[in-house]
Amino acid sequence: MLGSLGVTHARVRASVVRMMGLGVEEPQGDVSLTGRAQDVIDRARREASIRDEREVGTDHILLALVHARDGAATRILLGLDVDPADVRAALGRG
């Protein structure tokens, strides 16, 4: 779906590395979710529930990510000249 908007894995990865740096350390012990990450998971669950879908899929997670207008996912998409509204529309959730 994102490919139709010109978004590729390589372009997103390059954007993430530019924004966040290249992670090289493996996490040790329990990995906890940040508050923002938990908010995205909760939003993805709501996206699925609204549509009477029992399982949360990648489309629900993507919708939750672009819902946060000040989040990293939105900044990355905008940096790739993709309007988050176009992502919602492409998923039929515009």
C-alpha atoms as a PDB file:
ATOM      1  CA  MET A   1       0.000   0.000   0.000  1.00  0.00           C
ATOM      2  CA  LEU A   2       2.706   2.500   0.911  1.00  0.00           C
ATOM      3  CA  GLY A   3       4.571   1.549  -2.255  1.00  0.00           C
ATOM      4  CA  SER A   4       1.792   3.159  -4.267  1.00  0.00           C
ATOM      5  CA  LEU A   5       2.611   6.393  -2.415  1.00  0.00           C
ATOM      6  CA  GLY A   6       6.315   6.095  -3.255  1.00  0.00           C
ATOM      7  CA  VAL A   7       7.325   4.825   0.178  1.00  0.00           C
ATOM      8  CA  THR A   8       9.845   1.989   0.146  1.00  0.00           C
ATOM      9  CA  HIS A   9      11.567   0.095   2.924  1.00  0.00           C
ATOM     10  CA  ALA A  10      14.925   1.583   1.920  1.00  0.00           C
ATOM     11  CA  ARG A  11      13.619   5.167   1.988  1.00  0.00           C
ATOM     12  CA  VAL A  12      11.930   4.712   5.372  1.00  0.00           C
ATOM     13  CA  ARG A  13      14.995   3.018   6.856  1.00  0.00           C
ATOM     14  CA  ALA A  14      17.261   5.814   5.639  1.00  0.00           C
ATOM     15  CA  SER A  15      14.895   8.384   7.146  1.00  0.00           C
ATOM     16  CA  VAL A  16      14.780   6.571  10.483  1.00  0.00           C
ATOM     17  CA  VAL A  17      18.573   6.287  10.611  1.00  0.00           C
ATOM     18  CA  ARG A  18      18.885  10.016   9.843  1.00  0.00           C
ATOM     19  CA  MET A  19      16.350  10.886  12.533  1.00  0.00           C
ATOM     20  CA  MET A  20      17.201   8.391  15.265  1.00  0.00           C
ATOM     21  CA  GLY A  21      20.672   7.140  14.463  1.00  0.00           C
ATOM     22  CA  LEU A  22      21.766   3.596  13.800  1.00  0.00           C
ATOM     23  CA  GLY A  23      21.075   1.293  16.714  1.00  0.00           C
ATOM     24  CA  VAL A  24      23.797  -1.231  17.383  1.00  0.00           C
ATOM     25  CA  GLU A  25      23.088  -2.448  20.907  1.00  0.00           C
ATOM     26  CA  GLU A  26      20.767  -5.328  21.652  1.00  0.00           C
ATOM     27  CA  PRO A  27      18.277  -4.561  24.435  1.00  0.00           C
ATOM     28  CA  GLN A  28      19.013  -6.251  27.739  1.00  0.00           C
ATOM     29  CA  GLY A  29      16.328  -7.621  30.060  1.00  0.00           C
ATOM     30  CA  ASP A  30      12.708  -6.597  29.835  1.00  0.00           C
ATOM     31  CA  VAL A  31      11.879  -4.082  27.162  1.00  0.00           C
ATOM     32  CA  SER A  32       9.138  -1.729  28.320  1.00  0.00           C
ATOM     33  CA  LEU A  33       6.960   0.356  26.066  1.00  0.00           C
ATOM     34  CA  THR A  34       7.178   4.102  26.364  1.00  0.00           C
ATOM     35  CA  GLY A  35       3.964   5.979  27.027  1.00  0.00           C
ATOM     36  CA  ARG A  36       3.790   7.031  23.392  1.00  0.00           C
ATOM     37  CA  ALA A  37       4.323   3.467  22.176  1.00  0.00           C
ATOM     38  CA  GLN A  38       1.536   2.235  24.468  1.00  0.00           C
ATOM     39  CA  ASP A  39      -0.715   5.003  23.120  1.00  0.00           C
ATOM     40  CA  VAL A  40      -0.058   3.756  19.566  1.00  0.00           C
ATOM     41  CA  ILE A  41      -0.921   0.166  20.560  1.00  0.00           C
ATOM     42  CA  ASP A  42      -4.128   1.357  22.240  1.00  0.00           C
ATOM     43  CA  ARG A  43      -5.053   3.461  19.209  1.00  0.00           C
ATOM     44  CA  ALA A  44      -4.394   0.501  16.886  1.00  0.00           C
ATOM     45  CA  ARG A  45      -6.740  -1.613  19.006  1.00  0.00           C
ATOM     46  CA  ARG A  46      -9.410   1.084  18.704  1.00  0.00           C
ATOM     47  CA  GLU A  47      -8.903   1.243  14.915  1.00  0.00           C
ATOM     48  CA  ALA A  48      -9.513  -2.518  14.723  1.00  0.00           C
ATOM     49  CA  SER A  49     -12.485  -2.375  17.091  1.00  0.00           C
ATOM     50  CA  ILE A  50     -14.168   0.441  15.163  1.00  0.00           C
ATOM     51  CA  ARG A  51     -14.177  -1.840  12.130  1.00  0.00           C
ATOM     52  CA  ASP A  52     -15.315  -4.931  14.067  1.00  0.00           C
ATOM     53  CA  GLU A  53     -12.005  -6.616  13.286  1.00  0.00           C
ATOM     54  CA  ARG A  54     -10.850  -9.023  15.987  1.00  0.00           C
ATOM     55  CA  GLU A  55      -7.132  -8.820  15.309  1.00  0.00           C
ATOM     56  CA  VAL A  56      -4.868  -5.794  15.154  1.00  0.00           C
ATOM     57  CA  GLY A  57      -3.038  -5.761  11.841  1.00  0.00           C
ATOM     58  CA  THR A  58      -0.261  -3.699  10.358  1.00  0.00           C
ATOM     59  CA  ASP A  59      -2.819  -1.391   8.761  1.00  0.00           C
ATOM     60  CA  HIS A  60      -4.236  -0.571  12.209  1.00  0.00           C
ATOM     61  CA  ILE A  61      -0.758   0.130  13.547  1.00  0.00           C
ATOM     62  CA  LEU A  62       0.026   2.359  10.573  1.00  0.00           C
ATOM     63  CA  LEU A  63      -3.211   4.281  11.101  1.00  0.00           C
ATOM     64  CA  ALA A  64      -2.359   4.702  14.774  1.00  0.00           C
ATOM     65  CA  LEU A  65       1.129   5.929  13.913  1.00  0.00           C
ATOM     66  CA  VAL A  66      -0.087   8.569  11.473  1.00  0.00           C
ATOM     67  CA  HIS A  67      -2.788   9.650  13.914  1.00  0.00           C
ATOM     68  CA  ALA A  68      -0.073  11.212  16.081  1.00  0.00           C
ATOM     69  CA  ARG A  69       0.546  14.359  14.067  1.00  0.00           C
ATOM     70  CA  ASP A  70       3.744  15.189  15.958  1.00  0.00           C
ATOM     71  CA  GLY A  71       5.121  11.648  15.968  1.00  0.00           C
ATOM     72  CA  ALA A  72       8.185  10.281  14.234  1.00  0.00           C
ATOM     73  CA  ALA A  73       6.126   8.313  11.681  1.00  0.00           C
ATOM     74  CA  THR A  74       4.333  11.446  10.540  1.00  0.00           C
ATOM     75  CA  ARG A  75       7.598  13.395  10.327  1.00  0.00           C
ATOM     76  CA  ILE A  76       9.173  10.589   8.278  1.00  0.00           C
ATOM     77  CA  LEU A  77       6.216  10.451   5.875  1.00  0.00           C
ATOM     78  CA  LEU A  78       6.222  14.216   5.462  1.00  0.00           C
ATOM     79  CA  GLY A  79       9.972  14.062   4.831  1.00  0.00           C
ATOM     80  CA  LEU A  80       9.225  11.583   2.034  1.00  0.00           C
ATOM     81  CA  ASP A  81       6.614  13.995   0.631  1.00  0.00           C
ATOM     82  CA  VAL A  82       3.726  11.752   1.682  1.00  0.00           C
ATOM     83  CA  ASP A  83       0.734  13.348   3.369  1.00  0.00           C
ATOM     84  CA  PRO A  84      -0.523  11.191   6.275  1.00  0.00           C
ATOM     85  CA  ALA A  85      -4.063  11.940   5.062  1.00  0.00           C
ATOM     86  CA  ASP A  86      -3.159  10.116   1.835  1.00  0.00           C
ATOM     87  CA  VAL A  87      -2.141   7.075   3.900  1.00  0.00           C
ATOM     88  CA  ARG A  88      -5.510   7.097   5.675  1.00  0.00           C
ATOM     89  CA  ALA A  89      -7.312   7.497   2.352  1.00  0.00           C
ATOM     90  CA  ALA A  90      -5.318   4.657   0.761  1.00  0.00           C
ATOM     91  CA  LEU A  91      -6.400   2.416   3.641  1.00  0.00           C
ATOM     92  CA  GLY A  92     -10.008   3.477   3.135  1.00  0.00           C
ATOM     93  CA  ARG A  93     -10.015   5.352   6.435  1.00  0.00           C
ATOM     94  CA  GLY A  94      -9.780   8.906   5.109  1.00  0.00           C
END
